[in-house]
Structures are given as structure tokens and as C-alpha cells.
């Protein structure tokens, strides 16, 4: 490999994605210049403003909570993807965490026409293999004013729970925090509405 090939992407980002895929069972996708949009697109996003992979999320809701009317799944998706502009990022993250942990409360009419209430599971915590783990490299995310490209976003059942900022070997992790992560919090805060883990790495330290 030539010296020019020893880049942040090949040394750290690609290696990290390959580790998630080969050692931990994640599926890895490179989205930078390959993502299209629409229901049948690479990730199912309708635009780069979306941070939840609704296609995967809905499939997980159906898989983990079978045989419910469409209105139940649609209601759960709305709660998991919606957010109030008046709430702080911390408050929104806390609310999303509660839905993921405790289930999403929905109301619907059953086959008998009776009103029924249920909490829909979002993640199967007892059987990891029942969930979809997707690692997306170079994901474009658009905010109100700016567009940013995240190194690695890890989705579990369509929810962006893992954010990873990768730096080259000679770059400090402080730079990853101050120069990138802080900027993302300011420009694309909705990427962190569901976030559970933030990781900085440079191939030597994490």
C-alpha cells in the first residue's frame, strides 16, 4: 500500500467498519457517493434530512410486535421520529431513550372494534439476533443551514444509536471532539436525538 493510501478512511474508518461487520455481525454500507433517496433506495431515506431509517424501523416494529393494525405501527414511527423544537437536545434524547427502553405507547382498534392500548417493542433486548445492526460510513446529514458528513453512524433497527468520529493516527482525539463533534451538535443536532454512544478513535486510542 502506498503512503497516499494510509488515510483516515483506509486506516481507521474502513478498518472499524470491517471490525463491526466481521467480528460483531453488523452489516456495513458506504453511503458517501452511493446513496440515493426514495422508498426503494439504499437506506430508504426520502432525503438527507432524515436521521431515522424509517423503512428499517417499521420492519422491526412489525417483526417484534406482529399482527397489529397499520395505525399502531404508524403511531409508533411518528413518536420515534418526531421532536419538539422547544425541547433541548438532552430532553429529546431522554424522551427517545424512554421509548426505546419501555416501548412506544400506542392506541388502536382491534379486530373486534375495541380500543386497545399497547407498548410496542423497538429493540429485542433478550435476543440480539432479532435486531438489525447497520453501520453506515460517510453518511450525509442536512440541518437547517448546513450539511455534514458523519464518519460512521451505527443504526439499530433503523435508529441512530452509535456515532463514531474517526481521525488519522497523527490526529488527537481532542480535535475530534472540538473540531467535529461539537460542530455536529450545533449544525445537525437531530442526529443525536436517539444517540446512546459517542466514540472517538484514531486507530491507536479511543
N, C-alpha and C. Protein backbone atom coordinates (compact mmCIF):
# COMPACT_ATOMS: atom_id res chain seq x y z
N UNK A 1 0.84 -1.19 0.00
CA UNK A 1 0.00 0.00 0.00
C UNK A 1 0.88 1.24 0.00
N UNK A 2 0.61 2.20 -0.89
CA UNK A 2 1.41 3.40 -0.97
C UNK A 2 1.12 4.30 0.22
N UNK A 3 2.05 5.27 0.44
CA UNK A 3 1.86 6.19 1.56
C UNK A 3 0.56 6.97 1.40
N UNK A 4 0.20 7.28 0.16
CA UNK A 4 -1.03 8.03 -0.08
C UNK A 4 -2.27 7.26 0.34
N UNK A 5 -2.11 5.93 0.44
CA UNK A 5 -3.26 5.10 0.80
C UNK A 5 -3.48 5.04 2.31
N UNK A 6 -2.50 5.52 3.09
CA UNK A 6 -2.63 5.49 4.53
C UNK A 6 -3.44 6.70 4.99
N UNK A 7 -4.69 6.67 4.68
CA UNK A 7 -5.56 7.80 5.00
C UNK A 7 -6.44 7.46 6.21
N UNK A 8 -7.12 8.49 6.69
CA UNK A 8 -8.07 8.30 7.78
C UNK A 8 -9.10 7.24 7.42
N UNK A 9 -9.53 7.26 6.15
CA UNK A 9 -10.55 6.33 5.71
C UNK A 9 -10.05 4.89 5.71
N UNK A 10 -8.89 4.65 5.07
CA UNK A 10 -8.42 3.26 4.94
C UNK A 10 -7.85 2.73 6.24
N UNK A 11 -7.20 3.58 7.03
CA UNK A 11 -6.55 3.10 8.25
C UNK A 11 -7.52 2.94 9.42
N UNK A 12 -8.46 3.86 9.55
CA UNK A 12 -9.29 3.88 10.75
C UNK A 12 -10.75 3.60 10.44
N UNK A 13 -11.35 4.42 9.58
CA UNK A 13 -12.78 4.29 9.34
C UNK A 13 -13.14 2.95 8.71
N UNK A 14 -12.47 2.60 7.62
CA UNK A 14 -12.78 1.33 6.94
C UNK A 14 -12.47 0.14 7.84
N UNK A 15 -11.36 0.20 8.56
CA UNK A 15 -10.99 -0.89 9.45
C UNK A 15 -12.02 -1.07 10.56
N UNK A 16 -12.51 0.06 11.08
CA UNK A 16 -13.53 -0.01 12.14
C UNK A 16 -14.81 -0.64 11.62
N UNK A 17 -15.23 -0.22 10.43
CA UNK A 17 -16.44 -0.79 9.84
C UNK A 17 -16.28 -2.28 9.57
N UNK A 18 -15.11 -2.67 9.10
CA UNK A 18 -14.86 -4.09 8.85
C UNK A 18 -14.87 -4.90 10.14
N UNK A 19 -14.38 -4.30 11.22
CA UNK A 19 -14.41 -5.00 12.51
C UNK A 19 -15.86 -5.19 12.97
N UNK A 20 -16.67 -4.14 12.85
CA UNK A 20 -18.07 -4.26 13.24
C UNK A 20 -18.77 -5.34 12.43
N UNK A 21 -18.39 -5.44 11.15
CA UNK A 21 -19.05 -6.40 10.26
C UNK A 21 -18.58 -7.83 10.50
N UNK A 22 -17.26 -8.03 10.57
CA UNK A 22 -16.73 -9.40 10.64
C UNK A 22 -16.71 -9.97 12.05
N UNK A 23 -16.53 -9.10 13.04
CA UNK A 23 -16.40 -9.59 14.42
C UNK A 23 -17.69 -9.46 15.24
N UNK A 24 -18.51 -8.46 14.92
CA UNK A 24 -19.69 -8.22 15.74
C UNK A 24 -21.00 -8.44 15.01
N UNK A 25 -20.92 -8.77 13.72
CA UNK A 25 -22.13 -9.14 12.99
C UNK A 25 -22.96 -8.00 12.44
N UNK A 26 -22.40 -6.79 12.40
CA UNK A 26 -23.11 -5.67 11.80
C UNK A 26 -23.04 -5.79 10.28
N UNK A 27 -23.97 -5.17 9.59
CA UNK A 27 -23.88 -5.01 8.15
C UNK A 27 -23.32 -3.63 7.87
N UNK A 28 -22.38 -3.52 6.96
CA UNK A 28 -21.72 -2.25 6.68
C UNK A 28 -22.06 -1.73 5.29
N UNK A 29 -22.32 -0.42 5.20
CA UNK A 29 -22.65 0.23 3.94
C UNK A 29 -21.84 1.52 3.83
N UNK A 30 -21.34 1.78 2.64
CA UNK A 30 -20.64 3.03 2.35
C UNK A 30 -21.61 3.92 1.58
N UNK A 31 -21.97 5.07 2.18
CA UNK A 31 -23.06 5.87 1.62
C UNK A 31 -22.61 7.12 0.89
N UNK A 32 -21.37 7.53 1.05
CA UNK A 32 -20.89 8.84 0.61
C UNK A 32 -21.41 9.28 -0.76
N UNK A 33 -21.03 8.58 -1.80
CA UNK A 33 -21.48 8.96 -3.15
C UNK A 33 -22.32 7.86 -3.78
N UNK A 34 -22.88 7.00 -2.95
CA UNK A 34 -23.66 5.88 -3.46
C UNK A 34 -25.12 5.92 -3.04
N UNK A 35 -25.44 6.82 -2.09
CA UNK A 35 -26.81 6.83 -1.59
C UNK A 35 -27.74 7.57 -2.54
N UNK A 36 -28.88 6.95 -2.81
CA UNK A 36 -29.97 7.62 -3.50
C UNK A 36 -31.12 7.74 -2.50
N UNK A 37 -32.22 8.31 -2.93
CA UNK A 37 -33.32 8.53 -2.00
C UNK A 37 -34.62 7.97 -2.55
N UNK A 38 -35.53 7.64 -1.64
CA UNK A 38 -36.81 7.06 -2.02
C UNK A 38 -37.05 5.76 -1.26
N UNK A 39 -38.25 5.22 -1.32
CA UNK A 39 -38.60 4.02 -0.55
C UNK A 39 -37.78 2.79 -0.89
N UNK A 40 -37.29 2.70 -2.12
CA UNK A 40 -36.52 1.53 -2.54
C UNK A 40 -35.03 1.85 -2.68
N UNK A 41 -34.59 2.93 -2.06
CA UNK A 41 -33.21 3.37 -2.18
C UNK A 41 -32.30 2.60 -1.24
N UNK A 42 -31.02 2.96 -1.24
CA UNK A 42 -30.02 2.25 -0.46
C UNK A 42 -30.40 2.12 1.01
N UNK A 43 -30.81 3.24 1.63
CA UNK A 43 -31.17 3.24 3.04
C UNK A 43 -32.65 3.49 3.27
N UNK A 44 -33.37 3.79 2.20
CA UNK A 44 -34.80 4.04 2.34
C UNK A 44 -35.13 5.45 2.78
N UNK A 45 -34.11 6.33 2.86
CA UNK A 45 -34.39 7.71 3.28
C UNK A 45 -35.03 8.48 2.13
N UNK A 46 -35.92 9.41 2.46
CA UNK A 46 -36.52 10.25 1.43
C UNK A 46 -35.66 11.48 1.16
N UNK A 47 -34.80 11.85 2.12
CA UNK A 47 -33.88 12.96 1.92
C UNK A 47 -32.76 12.85 2.93
N UNK A 48 -31.72 13.69 2.76
CA UNK A 48 -30.60 13.64 3.70
C UNK A 48 -30.92 14.34 5.01
N UNK A 49 -32.11 14.88 5.16
CA UNK A 49 -32.52 15.44 6.46
C UNK A 49 -32.93 14.35 7.45
N UNK A 50 -33.32 13.19 6.93
CA UNK A 50 -33.78 12.11 7.80
C UNK A 50 -32.60 11.44 8.50
N UNK A 51 -32.75 11.21 9.80
CA UNK A 51 -31.71 10.53 10.56
C UNK A 51 -32.17 9.16 11.06
N UNK A 52 -33.46 8.89 10.95
CA UNK A 52 -34.01 7.58 11.28
C UNK A 52 -34.29 6.84 9.98
N UNK A 53 -33.86 5.61 9.88
CA UNK A 53 -34.14 4.79 8.70
C UNK A 53 -35.52 4.17 8.90
N UNK A 54 -36.53 4.89 8.44
CA UNK A 54 -37.92 4.52 8.73
C UNK A 54 -38.27 3.15 8.17
N UNK A 55 -37.74 2.83 7.01
CA UNK A 55 -38.02 1.51 6.43
C UNK A 55 -37.57 0.39 7.36
N UNK A 56 -36.38 0.51 7.90
CA UNK A 56 -35.87 -0.50 8.84
C UNK A 56 -36.61 -0.46 10.16
N UNK A 57 -36.94 0.74 10.63
CA UNK A 57 -37.66 0.88 11.89
C UNK A 57 -39.03 0.23 11.81
N UNK A 58 -39.76 0.50 10.75
CA UNK A 58 -41.09 -0.09 10.62
C UNK A 58 -41.02 -1.61 10.52
N UNK A 59 -40.03 -2.11 9.78
CA UNK A 59 -39.87 -3.56 9.67
C UNK A 59 -39.61 -4.18 11.03
N UNK A 60 -38.82 -3.51 11.86
CA UNK A 60 -38.52 -4.02 13.20
C UNK A 60 -39.76 -4.00 14.08
N UNK A 61 -40.55 -2.93 13.98
CA UNK A 61 -41.78 -2.84 14.78
C UNK A 61 -42.74 -3.98 14.42
N UNK A 62 -42.86 -4.26 13.14
CA UNK A 62 -43.74 -5.36 12.70
C UNK A 62 -43.18 -6.69 13.16
N UNK A 63 -41.89 -6.86 13.07
CA UNK A 63 -41.24 -8.13 13.45
C UNK A 63 -41.36 -8.38 14.96
N UNK A 64 -41.20 -7.35 15.75
CA UNK A 64 -41.21 -7.51 17.21
C UNK A 64 -42.60 -7.40 17.82
N UNK A 65 -43.54 -6.86 17.04
CA UNK A 65 -44.92 -6.69 17.54
C UNK A 65 -45.88 -7.10 16.42
N UNK A 66 -45.95 -8.39 16.11
CA UNK A 66 -46.69 -8.83 14.91
C UNK A 66 -48.20 -8.70 15.05
N UNK A 67 -48.85 -8.69 13.88
CA UNK A 67 -50.30 -8.81 13.75
C UNK A 67 -51.07 -7.66 14.37
N UNK A 68 -50.53 -6.45 14.22
CA UNK A 68 -51.24 -5.26 14.69
C UNK A 68 -51.69 -4.44 13.48
N UNK A 69 -52.70 -3.59 13.65
CA UNK A 69 -53.12 -2.76 12.52
C UNK A 69 -52.05 -1.75 12.13
N UNK A 70 -52.09 -1.30 10.91
CA UNK A 70 -51.10 -0.35 10.40
C UNK A 70 -51.05 0.91 11.24
N UNK A 71 -52.19 1.33 11.79
CA UNK A 71 -52.22 2.56 12.58
C UNK A 71 -51.34 2.47 13.81
N UNK A 72 -51.18 1.27 14.36
CA UNK A 72 -50.32 1.09 15.54
C UNK A 72 -48.86 1.32 15.17
N UNK A 73 -48.43 0.76 14.06
CA UNK A 73 -47.04 0.95 13.63
C UNK A 73 -46.78 2.40 13.23
N UNK A 74 -47.74 2.99 12.53
CA UNK A 74 -47.58 4.38 12.10
C UNK A 74 -47.48 5.31 13.31
N UNK A 75 -48.28 5.04 14.34
CA UNK A 75 -48.22 5.86 15.54
C UNK A 75 -46.89 5.74 16.26
N UNK A 76 -46.35 4.55 16.29
CA UNK A 76 -45.04 4.34 16.92
C UNK A 76 -43.94 5.05 16.14
N UNK A 77 -44.00 4.97 14.81
CA UNK A 77 -42.99 5.64 13.98
C UNK A 77 -43.05 7.15 14.20
N UNK A 78 -44.25 7.71 14.27
CA UNK A 78 -44.39 9.15 14.49
C UNK A 78 -43.75 9.58 15.80
N UNK A 79 -43.96 8.81 16.84
CA UNK A 79 -43.39 9.18 18.14
C UNK A 79 -41.87 9.05 18.15
N UNK A 80 -41.37 8.06 17.46
CA UNK A 80 -39.93 7.83 17.46
C UNK A 80 -39.18 8.81 16.56
N UNK A 81 -39.84 9.33 15.55
CA UNK A 81 -39.17 10.25 14.62
C UNK A 81 -39.47 11.71 14.91
N UNK A 82 -40.55 11.98 15.61
CA UNK A 82 -40.94 13.37 15.87
C UNK A 82 -40.15 13.98 17.02
N UNK A 83 -40.09 15.31 17.02
CA UNK A 83 -39.40 16.03 18.10
C UNK A 83 -39.96 17.44 18.17
N UNK A 84 -39.93 18.00 19.35
CA UNK A 84 -40.39 19.37 19.56
C UNK A 84 -39.22 20.33 19.47
N UNK A 85 -39.38 21.39 18.69
CA UNK A 85 -38.32 22.38 18.55
C UNK A 85 -38.08 23.12 19.86
N UNK A 86 -39.08 23.09 20.76
CA UNK A 86 -38.95 23.81 22.03
C UNK A 86 -38.12 23.03 23.05
N UNK A 87 -37.91 21.74 22.80
CA UNK A 87 -37.16 20.92 23.74
C UNK A 87 -35.66 21.03 23.50
N UNK A 88 -34.90 20.88 24.56
CA UNK A 88 -33.45 20.82 24.44
C UNK A 88 -33.06 19.46 23.86
N UNK A 89 -31.83 19.39 23.38
CA UNK A 89 -31.33 18.12 22.85
C UNK A 89 -31.32 17.06 23.93
N UNK A 90 -30.91 17.43 25.14
CA UNK A 90 -30.85 16.47 26.25
C UNK A 90 -32.24 15.94 26.59
N UNK A 91 -33.25 16.82 26.59
CA UNK A 91 -34.61 16.40 26.91
C UNK A 91 -35.17 15.49 25.83
N UNK A 92 -34.89 15.82 24.57
CA UNK A 92 -35.35 14.96 23.46
C UNK A 92 -34.70 13.59 23.54
N UNK A 93 -33.40 13.56 23.81
CA UNK A 93 -32.68 12.30 23.92
C UNK A 93 -33.23 11.46 25.06
N UNK A 94 -33.56 12.10 26.16
CA UNK A 94 -34.13 11.39 27.32
C UNK A 94 -35.48 10.77 26.96
N UNK A 95 -36.30 11.53 26.22
CA UNK A 95 -37.62 11.02 25.83
C UNK A 95 -37.49 9.83 24.87
N UNK A 96 -36.58 9.93 23.91
CA UNK A 96 -36.40 8.83 22.97
C UNK A 96 -35.86 7.59 23.68
N UNK A 97 -34.96 7.80 24.63
CA UNK A 97 -34.42 6.68 25.40
C UNK A 97 -35.54 5.95 26.14
N UNK A 98 -36.47 6.71 26.72
CA UNK A 98 -37.59 6.09 27.45
C UNK A 98 -38.45 5.24 26.52
N UNK A 99 -38.68 5.72 25.30
CA UNK A 99 -39.47 4.95 24.33
C UNK A 99 -38.76 3.67 23.93
N UNK A 100 -37.45 3.77 23.75
CA UNK A 100 -36.67 2.59 23.37
C UNK A 100 -36.63 1.58 24.52
N UNK A 101 -36.47 2.08 25.72
CA UNK A 101 -36.35 1.20 26.89
C UNK A 101 -37.69 0.57 27.28
N UNK A 102 -38.74 1.38 27.32
CA UNK A 102 -40.02 0.92 27.87
C UNK A 102 -41.03 0.52 26.81
N UNK A 103 -40.76 0.84 25.55
CA UNK A 103 -41.73 0.58 24.50
C UNK A 103 -42.53 1.83 24.17
N UNK A 104 -43.08 1.87 22.97
CA UNK A 104 -43.81 3.05 22.50
C UNK A 104 -45.30 2.84 22.74
N UNK A 105 -45.94 3.71 23.53
CA UNK A 105 -47.37 3.54 23.80
C UNK A 105 -48.22 3.93 22.59
N UNK A 106 -49.07 3.03 22.16
CA UNK A 106 -49.97 3.29 21.03
C UNK A 106 -51.37 2.83 21.40
N UNK A 107 -52.35 3.42 20.75
CA UNK A 107 -53.75 3.01 20.91
C UNK A 107 -54.32 2.71 19.53
N UNK A 108 -55.12 1.65 19.45
CA UNK A 108 -55.69 1.25 18.16
C UNK A 108 -56.94 0.42 18.41
N UNK A 109 -57.70 0.21 17.36
CA UNK A 109 -58.88 -0.65 17.45
C UNK A 109 -58.51 -2.04 16.96
N UNK A 110 -58.83 -3.04 17.77
CA UNK A 110 -58.52 -4.41 17.39
C UNK A 110 -59.56 -4.98 16.44
N UNK A 111 -59.45 -6.26 16.16
CA UNK A 111 -60.35 -6.90 15.19
C UNK A 111 -61.81 -6.87 15.63
N UNK A 112 -62.02 -6.73 16.93
CA UNK A 112 -63.39 -6.67 17.46
C UNK A 112 -63.93 -5.24 17.51
N UNK A 113 -63.11 -4.30 17.06
CA UNK A 113 -63.55 -2.91 17.09
C UNK A 113 -63.35 -2.25 18.44
N UNK A 114 -62.67 -2.95 19.34
CA UNK A 114 -62.45 -2.42 20.68
C UNK A 114 -61.16 -1.59 20.72
N UNK A 115 -61.19 -0.53 21.52
CA UNK A 115 -60.00 0.28 21.69
C UNK A 115 -58.98 -0.48 22.54
N UNK A 116 -57.77 -0.57 22.05
CA UNK A 116 -56.74 -1.33 22.75
C UNK A 116 -55.47 -0.48 22.86
N UNK A 117 -54.82 -0.62 24.01
CA UNK A 117 -53.57 0.10 24.22
C UNK A 117 -52.44 -0.91 24.35
N UNK A 118 -51.30 -0.57 23.79
CA UNK A 118 -50.16 -1.48 23.82
C UNK A 118 -48.86 -0.68 23.80
N UNK A 119 -47.82 -1.25 24.36
CA UNK A 119 -46.49 -0.66 24.22
C UNK A 119 -45.71 -1.51 23.23
N UNK A 120 -45.27 -0.91 22.16
CA UNK A 120 -44.57 -1.65 21.11
C UNK A 120 -43.08 -1.68 21.38
N UNK A 121 -42.51 -2.87 21.32
CA UNK A 121 -41.06 -3.01 21.49
C UNK A 121 -40.34 -2.44 20.28
N UNK A 122 -39.25 -1.76 20.54
CA UNK A 122 -38.43 -1.18 19.48
C UNK A 122 -37.17 -2.02 19.26
N UNK A 123 -36.64 -2.56 20.36
CA UNK A 123 -35.44 -3.40 20.33
C UNK A 123 -35.69 -4.65 21.16
N UNK A 124 -35.25 -5.78 20.67
CA UNK A 124 -35.33 -7.02 21.44
C UNK A 124 -34.06 -7.12 22.28
N UNK A 125 -34.18 -6.81 23.56
CA UNK A 125 -33.01 -6.80 24.44
C UNK A 125 -32.60 -8.20 24.89
N UNK A 126 -33.49 -9.16 24.79
CA UNK A 126 -33.18 -10.52 25.23
C UNK A 126 -32.56 -11.36 24.13
N UNK A 127 -32.79 -11.00 22.87
CA UNK A 127 -32.27 -11.76 21.74
C UNK A 127 -31.65 -10.79 20.73
N UNK A 128 -30.36 -10.50 20.86
CA UNK A 128 -29.72 -9.54 19.94
C UNK A 128 -29.88 -9.90 18.47
N UNK A 129 -29.93 -11.19 18.16
CA UNK A 129 -30.04 -11.61 16.77
C UNK A 129 -31.37 -11.22 16.13
N UNK A 130 -32.34 -10.84 16.95
CA UNK A 130 -33.64 -10.43 16.43
C UNK A 130 -33.64 -8.99 15.94
N UNK A 131 -32.52 -8.29 16.14
CA UNK A 131 -32.40 -6.89 15.75
C UNK A 131 -31.52 -6.74 14.50
N UNK A 132 -31.67 -5.61 13.84
CA UNK A 132 -30.84 -5.28 12.68
C UNK A 132 -29.77 -4.28 13.11
N UNK A 133 -28.50 -4.62 12.89
CA UNK A 133 -27.38 -3.74 13.21
C UNK A 133 -26.74 -3.30 11.89
N UNK A 134 -26.75 -2.00 11.64
CA UNK A 134 -26.26 -1.46 10.38
C UNK A 134 -25.26 -0.34 10.63
N UNK A 135 -24.07 -0.49 10.08
CA UNK A 135 -23.01 0.51 10.17
C UNK A 135 -22.95 1.25 8.83
N UNK A 136 -23.15 2.57 8.87
CA UNK A 136 -23.13 3.37 7.64
C UNK A 136 -21.95 4.34 7.70
N UNK A 137 -21.07 4.24 6.73
CA UNK A 137 -19.92 5.13 6.63
C UNK A 137 -20.24 6.32 5.74
N UNK A 138 -19.70 7.48 6.12
CA UNK A 138 -19.81 8.70 5.31
C UNK A 138 -21.27 9.03 5.00
N UNK A 139 -22.05 9.20 6.05
CA UNK A 139 -23.48 9.49 5.89
C UNK A 139 -23.70 11.00 5.88
N UNK A 140 -24.30 11.49 4.80
CA UNK A 140 -24.64 12.90 4.73
C UNK A 140 -25.89 13.18 5.55
N UNK A 141 -25.83 14.25 6.36
CA UNK A 141 -26.99 14.67 7.15
C UNK A 141 -27.13 16.19 6.99
N UNK A 142 -28.31 16.63 6.65
CA UNK A 142 -28.57 18.05 6.43
C UNK A 142 -29.32 18.65 7.62
N UNK A 143 -28.84 19.78 8.10
CA UNK A 143 -29.51 20.52 9.15
C UNK A 143 -30.26 21.71 8.56
N UNK A 144 -30.60 22.66 9.41
CA UNK A 144 -31.34 23.82 8.94
C UNK A 144 -30.51 24.68 7.98
N UNK A 145 -29.21 24.79 8.24
CA UNK A 145 -28.36 25.65 7.43
C UNK A 145 -27.22 24.90 6.74
N UNK A 146 -26.74 23.83 7.36
CA UNK A 146 -25.53 23.19 6.86
C UNK A 146 -25.75 21.70 6.63
N UNK A 147 -24.85 21.13 5.83
CA UNK A 147 -24.85 19.70 5.53
C UNK A 147 -23.53 19.12 6.02
N UNK A 148 -23.60 18.04 6.78
CA UNK A 148 -22.41 17.43 7.34
C UNK A 148 -22.34 15.95 6.96
N UNK A 149 -21.11 15.41 6.94
CA UNK A 149 -20.91 14.00 6.59
C UNK A 149 -20.28 13.29 7.78
N UNK A 150 -21.04 12.44 8.42
CA UNK A 150 -20.57 11.70 9.60
C UNK A 150 -19.72 10.52 9.17
N UNK A 151 -18.64 10.26 9.90
CA UNK A 151 -17.75 9.15 9.54
C UNK A 151 -18.47 7.81 9.62
N UNK A 152 -19.01 7.49 10.79
CA UNK A 152 -19.73 6.23 10.98
C UNK A 152 -20.95 6.49 11.86
N UNK A 153 -22.09 6.04 11.40
CA UNK A 153 -23.31 6.05 12.22
C UNK A 153 -23.79 4.62 12.31
N UNK A 154 -24.01 4.16 13.53
CA UNK A 154 -24.49 2.81 13.75
C UNK A 154 -25.98 2.82 14.05
N UNK A 155 -26.74 2.12 13.22
CA UNK A 155 -28.20 2.06 13.38
C UNK A 155 -28.60 0.70 13.95
N UNK A 156 -29.47 0.73 14.94
CA UNK A 156 -30.07 -0.48 15.47
C UNK A 156 -31.56 -0.40 15.19
N UNK A 157 -32.05 -1.29 14.36
CA UNK A 157 -33.45 -1.27 13.92
C UNK A 157 -33.84 0.10 13.36
N UNK A 158 -32.91 0.71 12.66
CA UNK A 158 -33.20 1.98 12.00
C UNK A 158 -32.94 3.22 12.83
N UNK A 159 -32.61 3.05 14.11
CA UNK A 159 -32.37 4.19 14.99
C UNK A 159 -30.88 4.47 15.11
N UNK A 160 -30.46 5.72 14.96
CA UNK A 160 -29.02 6.06 15.01
C UNK A 160 -28.51 6.13 16.45
N UNK A 161 -28.11 4.99 16.99
CA UNK A 161 -27.70 4.91 18.39
C UNK A 161 -26.20 5.11 18.59
N UNK A 162 -25.41 4.92 17.55
CA UNK A 162 -23.95 5.00 17.66
C UNK A 162 -23.40 6.05 16.71
N UNK A 163 -22.57 6.95 17.24
CA UNK A 163 -21.87 7.95 16.43
C UNK A 163 -20.38 7.78 16.64
N UNK A 164 -19.63 7.64 15.54
CA UNK A 164 -18.19 7.46 15.63
C UNK A 164 -17.48 8.49 14.76
N UNK A 165 -16.54 9.19 15.35
CA UNK A 165 -15.70 10.14 14.62
C UNK A 165 -14.30 9.56 14.55
N UNK A 166 -13.82 9.34 13.33
CA UNK A 166 -12.52 8.70 13.12
C UNK A 166 -11.49 9.72 12.67
N UNK A 167 -10.30 9.65 13.27
CA UNK A 167 -9.20 10.53 12.91
C UNK A 167 -8.00 9.68 12.50
N UNK A 168 -7.09 10.28 11.73
CA UNK A 168 -5.87 9.59 11.35
C UNK A 168 -4.96 9.44 12.56
N UNK A 169 -3.96 8.58 12.43
CA UNK A 169 -3.08 8.24 13.56
C UNK A 169 -2.42 9.46 14.21
N UNK A 170 -2.08 10.45 13.41
CA UNK A 170 -1.37 11.61 13.95
C UNK A 170 -2.30 12.69 14.48
N UNK A 171 -3.62 12.46 14.40
CA UNK A 171 -4.60 13.44 14.89
C UNK A 171 -5.00 13.12 16.32
N UNK A 172 -5.17 14.14 17.13
CA UNK A 172 -5.56 13.93 18.53
C UNK A 172 -7.06 13.75 18.63
N UNK A 173 -7.50 13.03 19.65
CA UNK A 173 -8.93 12.84 19.87
C UNK A 173 -9.59 14.13 20.34
N UNK A 174 -8.79 15.03 20.92
CA UNK A 174 -9.32 16.33 21.31
C UNK A 174 -9.83 17.07 20.09
N UNK A 175 -9.11 16.94 18.98
CA UNK A 175 -9.52 17.57 17.73
C UNK A 175 -10.85 16.99 17.24
N UNK A 176 -11.01 15.68 17.41
CA UNK A 176 -12.27 15.04 17.00
C UNK A 176 -13.44 15.60 17.79
N UNK A 177 -13.21 15.88 19.06
CA UNK A 177 -14.28 16.43 19.91
C UNK A 177 -14.53 17.89 19.60
N UNK A 178 -13.47 18.69 19.61
CA UNK A 178 -13.63 20.13 19.46
C UNK A 178 -13.91 20.54 18.02
N UNK A 179 -13.28 19.86 17.06
CA UNK A 179 -13.40 20.29 15.68
C UNK A 179 -14.56 19.67 14.92
N UNK A 180 -15.01 18.49 15.35
CA UNK A 180 -16.06 17.79 14.60
C UNK A 180 -17.33 17.58 15.42
N UNK A 181 -17.20 16.87 16.52
CA UNK A 181 -18.38 16.52 17.31
C UNK A 181 -19.14 17.76 17.76
N UNK A 182 -18.43 18.76 18.27
CA UNK A 182 -19.09 19.98 18.74
C UNK A 182 -19.81 20.68 17.60
N UNK A 183 -19.21 20.64 16.41
CA UNK A 183 -19.84 21.25 15.24
C UNK A 183 -21.11 20.49 14.85
N UNK A 184 -21.07 19.17 14.89
CA UNK A 184 -22.25 18.38 14.57
C UNK A 184 -23.40 18.67 15.54
N UNK A 185 -23.07 18.80 16.81
CA UNK A 185 -24.10 19.10 17.81
C UNK A 185 -24.80 20.41 17.48
N UNK A 186 -24.05 21.34 16.91
CA UNK A 186 -24.59 22.65 16.59
C UNK A 186 -25.33 22.67 15.26
N UNK A 187 -24.81 21.97 14.26
CA UNK A 187 -25.36 22.07 12.90
C UNK A 187 -26.38 20.99 12.55
N UNK A 188 -26.20 19.78 13.09
CA UNK A 188 -27.14 18.68 12.81
C UNK A 188 -27.53 17.99 14.13
N UNK A 189 -28.10 18.74 15.06
CA UNK A 189 -28.39 18.18 16.39
C UNK A 189 -29.36 17.00 16.35
N UNK A 190 -30.22 16.94 15.33
CA UNK A 190 -31.20 15.85 15.27
C UNK A 190 -30.54 14.49 15.06
N UNK A 191 -29.29 14.48 14.63
CA UNK A 191 -28.57 13.21 14.51
C UNK A 191 -28.38 12.56 15.87
N UNK A 192 -28.49 13.34 16.94
CA UNK A 192 -28.24 12.84 18.29
C UNK A 192 -29.51 12.71 19.13
N UNK A 193 -30.66 12.83 18.52
CA UNK A 193 -31.90 12.67 19.28
C UNK A 193 -32.00 11.30 19.92
N UNK A 194 -31.53 10.27 19.22
CA UNK A 194 -31.64 8.90 19.72
C UNK A 194 -30.30 8.35 20.22
N UNK A 195 -29.27 9.13 20.11
CA UNK A 195 -27.91 8.64 20.34
C UNK A 195 -27.71 8.04 21.73
N UNK A 196 -27.00 6.91 21.76
CA UNK A 196 -26.68 6.26 23.03
C UNK A 196 -25.19 6.21 23.27
N UNK A 197 -24.39 6.17 22.18
CA UNK A 197 -22.93 6.04 22.31
C UNK A 197 -22.23 6.98 21.35
N UNK A 198 -21.22 7.68 21.84
CA UNK A 198 -20.33 8.51 21.01
C UNK A 198 -18.92 7.98 21.21
N UNK A 199 -18.23 7.72 20.11
CA UNK A 199 -16.88 7.17 20.19
C UNK A 199 -15.95 7.95 19.26
N UNK A 200 -14.79 8.34 19.80
CA UNK A 200 -13.74 8.97 19.00
C UNK A 200 -12.56 8.00 18.94
N UNK A 201 -11.98 7.84 17.76
CA UNK A 201 -10.85 6.93 17.62
C UNK A 201 -9.90 7.38 16.52
N UNK A 202 -8.62 7.07 16.70
CA UNK A 202 -7.64 7.43 15.66
C UNK A 202 -6.78 6.22 15.27
N UNK A 203 -7.27 5.03 15.53
CA UNK A 203 -6.53 3.83 15.18
C UNK A 203 -5.54 3.38 16.25
N UNK A 204 -5.30 4.27 17.21
CA UNK A 204 -4.39 3.95 18.30
C UNK A 204 -5.05 4.13 19.65
N UNK A 205 -5.86 5.17 19.76
CA UNK A 205 -6.55 5.49 21.00
C UNK A 205 -8.02 5.70 20.72
N UNK A 206 -8.86 5.31 21.66
CA UNK A 206 -10.29 5.52 21.51
C UNK A 206 -10.88 5.95 22.85
